[in-house]
Amino acid sequence: MMKQADKIKEVFFRENGDERGKLVAIEGLKDIPFEIKRIFYIYAASSDVIRGCHANRYSEFILINICGSSKVKVNDGMTEKIFILDKPCKGIYIPNMVWKEMYDFSPDSVLLAVTNKPYDAHEYIRNYKDYLKEVNNFE
């Protein structure tokens, strides 16, 4: 069985543009592997703030820094990876049951999150020790 860490990957979106500027279009089930159900973004976070610090039982994510930069640390209970998001045409795909932390935000950072589920507080695991217990019995 494939580990969740093996499913985490950088994704690159096609840039369209000319002398007027650039445009990136993202379509659910085409450019990303799920139907889009929710979009939110994080901005005005200082560089010493850590966001996320949770896993989701059912939600999958695409994270894109559409302005500025940030880092994303992901952990599936066994493997940890760090990604730098610094281009509006580059993102990261994070499957469900992966712990995520977003940090080191540049002053102009706008981190866009696209998910496959509407918000449901009950699907969040917000304590890392609880996450480790659950993820080790999940697969």
N, C-alpha and C. Protein backbone atom coordinates (compact mmCIF):
# COMPACT_ATOMS: atom_id res chain seq x y z
N MET A 1 0.85 -1.19 0.00
CA MET A 1 0.00 0.00 0.00
C MET A 1 0.89 1.25 0.00
N MET A 2 0.51 2.23 -0.79
CA MET A 2 1.28 3.46 -0.90
C MET A 2 1.15 4.28 0.38
N LYS A 3 2.30 4.73 0.91
CA LYS A 3 2.29 5.61 2.07
C LYS A 3 1.78 6.98 1.66
N GLN A 4 1.19 7.70 2.61
CA GLN A 4 0.68 9.04 2.31
C GLN A 4 1.81 9.95 1.85
N ALA A 5 3.02 9.79 2.42
CA ALA A 5 4.15 10.63 2.03
C ALA A 5 4.48 10.48 0.55
N ASP A 6 4.23 9.29 -0.02
CA ASP A 6 4.50 9.07 -1.44
C ASP A 6 3.50 9.80 -2.33
N LYS A 7 2.36 10.16 -1.78
CA LYS A 7 1.32 10.87 -2.55
C LYS A 7 1.53 12.38 -2.55
N ILE A 8 2.29 12.89 -1.58
CA ILE A 8 2.55 14.33 -1.49
C ILE A 8 3.48 14.72 -2.63
N LYS A 9 3.10 15.76 -3.37
CA LYS A 9 3.94 16.13 -4.50
C LYS A 9 3.76 17.59 -4.87
N GLU A 10 4.80 18.14 -5.45
CA GLU A 10 4.70 19.47 -6.04
C GLU A 10 3.87 19.37 -7.31
N VAL A 11 3.10 20.39 -7.55
CA VAL A 11 2.32 20.47 -8.78
C VAL A 11 2.63 21.81 -9.44
N PHE A 12 2.65 21.80 -10.74
CA PHE A 12 2.95 23.02 -11.50
C PHE A 12 1.79 23.31 -12.44
N PHE A 13 1.37 24.54 -12.43
CA PHE A 13 0.24 24.98 -13.24
C PHE A 13 0.75 25.80 -14.42
N ARG A 14 0.09 25.63 -15.55
CA ARG A 14 0.51 26.31 -16.77
C ARG A 14 0.27 27.81 -16.63
N GLU A 15 1.29 28.56 -16.97
CA GLU A 15 1.18 30.02 -17.02
C GLU A 15 0.82 30.44 -18.43
N ASN A 16 -0.17 31.28 -18.56
CA ASN A 16 -0.53 31.88 -19.84
C ASN A 16 -0.22 33.35 -19.73
N GLY A 17 0.30 33.92 -20.77
CA GLY A 17 0.58 35.35 -20.67
C GLY A 17 1.14 35.94 -21.94
N ASP A 18 1.17 37.24 -21.91
CA ASP A 18 1.75 38.03 -22.98
C ASP A 18 2.21 39.34 -22.36
N GLU A 19 2.33 40.38 -23.17
CA GLU A 19 2.81 41.66 -22.65
C GLU A 19 1.88 42.29 -21.62
N ARG A 20 0.64 41.79 -21.51
CA ARG A 20 -0.32 42.33 -20.55
C ARG A 20 -0.18 41.71 -19.16
N GLY A 21 0.56 40.62 -19.07
CA GLY A 21 0.74 39.95 -17.78
C GLY A 21 0.51 38.46 -17.90
N LYS A 22 0.48 37.79 -16.76
CA LYS A 22 0.34 36.34 -16.73
C LYS A 22 -0.96 35.94 -16.05
N LEU A 23 -1.44 34.75 -16.40
CA LEU A 23 -2.66 34.21 -15.85
C LEU A 23 -2.45 32.72 -15.62
N VAL A 24 -2.87 32.23 -14.46
CA VAL A 24 -2.85 30.81 -14.15
C VAL A 24 -4.29 30.40 -13.88
N ALA A 25 -4.78 29.41 -14.62
CA ALA A 25 -6.13 28.88 -14.41
C ALA A 25 -6.01 27.47 -13.83
N ILE A 26 -6.85 27.17 -12.84
CA ILE A 26 -6.83 25.85 -12.20
C ILE A 26 -8.24 25.30 -12.23
N GLU A 27 -8.38 24.11 -12.79
CA GLU A 27 -9.68 23.46 -12.86
C GLU A 27 -9.65 22.17 -12.03
N GLY A 28 -10.72 21.98 -11.23
CA GLY A 28 -10.85 20.75 -10.47
C GLY A 28 -11.01 19.56 -11.39
N LEU A 29 -10.47 18.43 -10.98
CA LEU A 29 -10.48 17.16 -11.71
C LEU A 29 -9.69 17.21 -13.02
N LYS A 30 -9.03 18.32 -13.27
CA LYS A 30 -8.17 18.44 -14.45
C LYS A 30 -6.76 18.82 -14.02
N ASP A 31 -6.62 19.99 -13.42
CA ASP A 31 -5.31 20.45 -12.97
C ASP A 31 -4.98 19.96 -11.57
N ILE A 32 -6.02 19.62 -10.82
CA ILE A 32 -5.85 19.06 -9.49
C ILE A 32 -6.70 17.79 -9.40
N PRO A 33 -6.34 16.86 -8.52
CA PRO A 33 -6.97 15.53 -8.54
C PRO A 33 -8.30 15.41 -7.81
N PHE A 34 -9.01 16.52 -7.62
CA PHE A 34 -10.29 16.44 -6.94
C PHE A 34 -11.20 17.58 -7.38
N GLU A 35 -12.48 17.43 -7.06
CA GLU A 35 -13.45 18.49 -7.29
C GLU A 35 -13.29 19.54 -6.18
N ILE A 36 -13.25 20.80 -6.54
CA ILE A 36 -13.05 21.88 -5.58
C ILE A 36 -14.34 22.14 -4.81
N LYS A 37 -14.25 22.08 -3.47
CA LYS A 37 -15.40 22.34 -2.61
C LYS A 37 -15.19 23.56 -1.70
N ARG A 38 -13.93 23.96 -1.52
CA ARG A 38 -13.64 25.07 -0.60
C ARG A 38 -12.33 25.72 -1.00
N ILE A 39 -12.29 27.04 -0.89
CA ILE A 39 -11.08 27.82 -1.13
C ILE A 39 -10.94 28.81 0.02
N PHE A 40 -9.72 28.92 0.55
CA PHE A 40 -9.45 29.96 1.55
C PHE A 40 -8.00 30.39 1.39
N TYR A 41 -7.65 31.51 2.00
CA TYR A 41 -6.26 31.95 1.92
C TYR A 41 -5.82 32.58 3.23
N ILE A 42 -4.51 32.52 3.43
CA ILE A 42 -3.87 33.06 4.63
C ILE A 42 -2.99 34.23 4.17
N TYR A 43 -3.14 35.37 4.82
CA TYR A 43 -2.29 36.51 4.52
C TYR A 43 -2.05 37.30 5.80
N ALA A 44 -1.11 38.22 5.78
CA ALA A 44 -0.74 39.05 6.93
C ALA A 44 -0.25 38.20 8.10
N ALA A 45 0.35 37.06 7.80
CA ALA A 45 0.96 36.22 8.85
C ALA A 45 2.43 36.58 8.93
N SER A 46 2.93 36.84 10.11
CA SER A 46 4.34 37.21 10.25
C SER A 46 5.22 35.97 10.10
N SER A 47 6.50 36.21 9.87
CA SER A 47 7.43 35.11 9.57
C SER A 47 7.60 34.15 10.73
N ASP A 48 7.28 34.56 11.96
CA ASP A 48 7.45 33.67 13.12
C ASP A 48 6.18 32.89 13.48
N VAL A 49 5.12 33.06 12.70
CA VAL A 49 3.85 32.38 12.94
C VAL A 49 3.87 31.01 12.27
N ILE A 50 3.32 30.01 12.95
CA ILE A 50 3.13 28.69 12.36
C ILE A 50 1.64 28.45 12.25
N ARG A 51 1.17 28.21 11.03
CA ARG A 51 -0.24 27.94 10.77
C ARG A 51 -0.42 26.45 10.51
N GLY A 52 -1.65 26.03 10.48
CA GLY A 52 -1.93 24.62 10.25
C GLY A 52 -1.84 23.86 11.56
N CYS A 53 -0.78 23.10 11.71
CA CYS A 53 -0.56 22.27 12.90
C CYS A 53 -1.76 21.34 13.11
N HIS A 54 -2.11 20.65 12.02
CA HIS A 54 -3.22 19.70 12.08
C HIS A 54 -3.16 18.74 10.91
N ALA A 55 -3.94 17.70 11.01
CA ALA A 55 -4.18 16.78 9.90
C ALA A 55 -5.68 16.72 9.68
N ASN A 56 -6.07 16.32 8.50
CA ASN A 56 -7.49 16.19 8.17
C ASN A 56 -7.78 14.74 7.79
N ARG A 57 -8.82 14.21 8.37
CA ARG A 57 -9.17 12.81 8.11
C ARG A 57 -9.63 12.60 6.66
N TYR A 58 -10.30 13.58 6.08
CA TYR A 58 -10.91 13.39 4.76
C TYR A 58 -10.49 14.40 3.71
N SER A 59 -10.12 15.59 4.13
CA SER A 59 -9.80 16.65 3.17
C SER A 59 -8.44 16.47 2.54
N GLU A 60 -8.41 16.73 1.23
CA GLU A 60 -7.17 16.83 0.47
C GLU A 60 -6.95 18.31 0.19
N PHE A 61 -5.70 18.70 0.01
CA PHE A 61 -5.36 20.10 -0.18
C PHE A 61 -4.43 20.31 -1.36
N ILE A 62 -4.58 21.45 -2.00
CA ILE A 62 -3.57 22.04 -2.87
C ILE A 62 -3.24 23.38 -2.23
N LEU A 63 -1.96 23.62 -1.94
CA LEU A 63 -1.52 24.90 -1.39
C LEU A 63 -0.66 25.60 -2.44
N ILE A 64 -0.92 26.90 -2.63
CA ILE A 64 -0.20 27.71 -3.62
C ILE A 64 0.08 29.07 -2.99
N ASN A 65 1.33 29.49 -2.99
CA ASN A 65 1.62 30.86 -2.57
C ASN A 65 1.42 31.75 -3.80
N ILE A 66 0.27 32.40 -3.88
CA ILE A 66 -0.01 33.21 -5.06
C ILE A 66 0.72 34.55 -5.02
N CYS A 67 1.26 34.91 -3.85
CA CYS A 67 2.10 36.08 -3.70
C CYS A 67 3.10 35.79 -2.60
N GLY A 68 4.33 36.22 -2.77
CA GLY A 68 5.34 36.00 -1.74
C GLY A 68 5.74 34.54 -1.63
N SER A 69 6.12 34.15 -0.41
CA SER A 69 6.60 32.78 -0.21
C SER A 69 6.27 32.30 1.19
N SER A 70 6.30 30.99 1.33
CA SER A 70 6.18 30.35 2.64
C SER A 70 6.75 28.94 2.52
N LYS A 71 6.91 28.30 3.66
CA LYS A 71 7.36 26.91 3.70
C LYS A 71 6.22 26.06 4.23
N VAL A 72 6.19 24.81 3.78
CA VAL A 72 5.19 23.86 4.24
C VAL A 72 5.93 22.60 4.67
N LYS A 73 5.74 22.23 5.94
CA LYS A 73 6.29 20.98 6.45
C LYS A 73 5.15 19.98 6.54
N VAL A 74 5.35 18.81 5.91
CA VAL A 74 4.35 17.76 5.93
C VAL A 74 4.95 16.51 6.56
N ASN A 75 4.07 15.74 7.21
CA ASN A 75 4.52 14.56 7.94
C ASN A 75 3.39 13.54 7.91
N ASP A 76 3.71 12.31 7.51
CA ASP A 76 2.68 11.26 7.48
C ASP A 76 2.80 10.29 8.64
N GLY A 77 3.52 10.70 9.68
CA GLY A 77 3.73 9.85 10.85
C GLY A 77 5.03 9.09 10.79
N MET A 78 5.63 9.02 9.60
CA MET A 78 6.91 8.33 9.42
C MET A 78 7.92 9.18 8.68
N THR A 79 7.46 9.91 7.68
CA THR A 79 8.34 10.67 6.80
C THR A 79 7.96 12.14 6.87
N GLU A 80 8.98 13.01 6.96
CA GLU A 80 8.76 14.45 6.98
C GLU A 80 9.42 15.07 5.76
N LYS A 81 8.73 16.01 5.12
CA LYS A 81 9.26 16.73 3.97
C LYS A 81 8.96 18.21 4.15
N ILE A 82 9.83 19.04 3.60
CA ILE A 82 9.63 20.49 3.61
C ILE A 82 9.62 20.98 2.18
N PHE A 83 8.62 21.80 1.86
CA PHE A 83 8.48 22.38 0.54
C PHE A 83 8.53 23.90 0.66
N ILE A 84 9.14 24.55 -0.31
CA ILE A 84 9.14 26.00 -0.39
C ILE A 84 8.19 26.40 -1.51
N LEU A 85 7.20 27.18 -1.16
CA LEU A 85 6.24 27.69 -2.15
C LEU A 85 6.57 29.15 -2.42
N ASP A 86 7.05 29.43 -3.62
CA ASP A 86 7.53 30.78 -3.92
C ASP A 86 7.19 31.26 -5.33
N LYS A 87 6.31 30.53 -6.01
CA LYS A 87 5.87 30.93 -7.34
C LYS A 87 4.36 30.72 -7.45
N PRO A 88 3.64 31.64 -8.07
CA PRO A 88 2.19 31.48 -8.15
C PRO A 88 1.75 30.36 -9.11
N CYS A 89 2.69 29.74 -9.81
CA CYS A 89 2.34 28.63 -10.70
C CYS A 89 2.79 27.28 -10.11
N LYS A 90 3.24 27.28 -8.86
CA LYS A 90 3.71 26.05 -8.22
C LYS A 90 2.93 25.83 -6.93
N GLY A 91 2.51 24.60 -6.72
CA GLY A 91 1.79 24.27 -5.50
C GLY A 91 2.26 22.94 -4.95
N ILE A 92 1.57 22.51 -3.92
CA ILE A 92 1.83 21.21 -3.32
C ILE A 92 0.49 20.52 -3.10
N TYR A 93 0.44 19.24 -3.48
CA TYR A 93 -0.73 18.42 -3.22
C TYR A 93 -0.49 17.66 -1.92
N ILE A 94 -1.46 17.76 -0.99
CA ILE A 94 -1.38 17.08 0.30
C ILE A 94 -2.64 16.21 0.45
N PRO A 95 -2.47 14.88 0.49
CA PRO A 95 -3.64 14.02 0.68
C PRO A 95 -4.15 14.08 2.12
N ASN A 96 -5.26 13.41 2.37
CA ASN A 96 -5.79 13.35 3.72
C ASN A 96 -4.82 12.61 4.65
N MET A 97 -5.01 12.77 5.93
CA MET A 97 -4.22 12.12 6.99
C MET A 97 -2.73 12.43 6.91
N VAL A 98 -2.42 13.68 6.57
CA VAL A 98 -1.04 14.18 6.58
C VAL A 98 -1.00 15.41 7.47
N TRP A 99 -0.09 15.41 8.44
CA TRP A 99 0.12 16.56 9.32
C TRP A 99 0.77 17.66 8.51
N LYS A 100 0.29 18.90 8.66
CA LYS A 100 0.84 20.02 7.90
C LYS A 100 1.07 21.24 8.77
N GLU A 101 2.18 21.91 8.50
CA GLU A 101 2.52 23.16 9.17
C GLU A 101 3.03 24.13 8.12
N MET A 102 2.45 25.33 8.10
CA MET A 102 2.87 26.37 7.18
C MET A 102 3.56 27.46 8.00
N TYR A 103 4.71 27.92 7.52
CA TYR A 103 5.51 28.86 8.32
C TYR A 103 6.47 29.65 7.43
N ASP A 104 7.24 30.51 8.04
CA ASP A 104 8.24 31.34 7.36
C ASP A 104 7.60 32.15 6.23
N PHE A 105 6.51 32.81 6.57
CA PHE A 105 5.78 33.62 5.59
C PHE A 105 6.55 34.90 5.28
N SER A 106 6.69 35.22 4.00
CA SER A 106 7.27 36.51 3.63
C SER A 106 6.23 37.60 3.94
N PRO A 107 6.67 38.86 4.07
CA PRO A 107 5.72 39.93 4.41
C PRO A 107 4.55 40.07 3.43
N ASP A 108 4.77 39.70 2.17
CA ASP A 108 3.72 39.83 1.15
C ASP A 108 3.03 38.51 0.84
N SER A 109 3.22 37.51 1.67
CA SER A 109 2.70 36.18 1.40
C SER A 109 1.18 36.12 1.40
N VAL A 110 0.64 35.48 0.36
CA VAL A 110 -0.77 35.10 0.31
C VAL A 110 -0.79 33.62 -0.07
N LEU A 111 -1.13 32.78 0.91
CA LEU A 111 -1.13 31.33 0.72
C LEU A 111 -2.56 30.87 0.46
N LEU A 112 -2.80 30.38 -0.74
CA LEU A 112 -4.12 29.92 -1.16
C LEU A 112 -4.23 28.42 -0.89
N ALA A 113 -5.36 28.01 -0.31
CA ALA A 113 -5.65 26.60 -0.07
C ALA A 113 -6.92 26.23 -0.82
N VAL A 114 -6.86 25.13 -1.55
CA VAL A 114 -7.99 24.59 -2.29
C VAL A 114 -8.22 23.18 -1.75
N THR A 115 -9.47 22.86 -1.38
CA THR A 115 -9.75 21.55 -0.79
C THR A 115 -10.93 20.86 -1.47
N ASN A 116 -11.05 19.59 -1.18
CA ASN A 116 -12.11 18.77 -1.77
C ASN A 116 -13.32 18.62 -0.86
N LYS A 117 -13.30 19.23 0.32
CA LYS A 117 -14.40 19.10 1.29
C LYS A 117 -14.74 20.48 1.87
N PRO A 118 -16.00 20.69 2.20
CA PRO A 118 -16.35 21.90 2.97
C PRO A 118 -15.76 21.79 4.38
N TYR A 119 -15.69 22.90 5.07
CA TYR A 119 -15.14 22.89 6.42
C TYR A 119 -15.99 22.04 7.35
N ASP A 120 -15.32 21.18 8.13
CA ASP A 120 -15.96 20.36 9.15
C ASP A 120 -14.96 20.20 10.29
N ALA A 121 -15.19 20.87 11.39
CA ALA A 121 -14.26 20.86 12.52
C ALA A 121 -14.00 19.45 13.05
N HIS A 122 -14.94 18.54 12.88
CA HIS A 122 -14.80 17.19 13.42
C HIS A 122 -13.79 16.33 12.67
N GLU A 123 -13.40 16.74 11.45
CA GLU A 123 -12.44 15.95 10.70
C GLU A 123 -10.99 16.37 10.98
N TYR A 124 -10.81 17.40 11.79
CA TYR A 124 -9.47 17.89 12.10
C TYR A 124 -8.88 17.13 13.29
N ILE A 125 -7.61 16.79 13.18
CA ILE A 125 -6.83 16.25 14.30
C ILE A 125 -5.82 17.34 14.64
N ARG A 126 -5.96 17.96 15.80
CA ARG A 126 -5.16 19.14 16.13
C ARG A 126 -4.05 18.87 17.15
N ASN A 127 -3.97 17.65 17.65
CA ASN A 127 -2.92 17.28 18.60
C ASN A 127 -2.02 16.24 17.93
N TYR A 128 -0.72 16.54 17.86
CA TYR A 128 0.20 15.68 17.11
C TYR A 128 0.28 14.26 17.70
N LYS A 129 0.25 14.13 19.01
CA LYS A 129 0.28 12.79 19.62
C LYS A 129 -0.97 12.00 19.25
N ASP A 130 -2.13 12.65 19.26
CA ASP A 130 -3.37 11.99 18.83
C ASP A 130 -3.28 11.60 17.36
N TYR A 131 -2.69 12.47 16.55
CA TYR A 131 -2.51 12.17 15.14
C TYR A 131 -1.67 10.91 14.95
N LEU A 132 -0.55 10.83 15.66
CA LEU A 132 0.32 9.66 15.52
C LEU A 132 -0.41 8.38 15.91
N LYS A 133 -1.20 8.44 16.96
CA LYS A 133 -1.97 7.26 17.36
C LYS A 133 -2.96 6.86 16.26
N GLU A 134 -3.63 7.85 15.72
CA GLU A 134 -4.66 7.56 14.72
C GLU A 134 -4.05 7.14 13.38
N VAL A 135 -3.00 7.80 12.94
CA VAL A 135 -2.43 7.49 11.63
C VAL A 135 -1.79 6.11 11.63
N ASN A 136 -1.28 5.67 12.74
CA ASN A 136 -0.67 4.34 12.78
C ASN A 136 -1.70 3.23 12.71
N ASN A 137 -2.97 3.56 12.98
CA ASN A 137 -4.06 2.58 12.84
C ASN A 137 -4.91 2.84 11.61
N PHE A 138 -4.58 3.93 10.86
CA PHE A 138 -5.42 4.35 9.75
C PHE A 138 -5.30 3.43 8.54
N GLU A 139 -4.06 3.11 8.17
CA GLU A 139 -3.84 2.34 6.94
C GLU A 139 -3.95 0.86 7.15
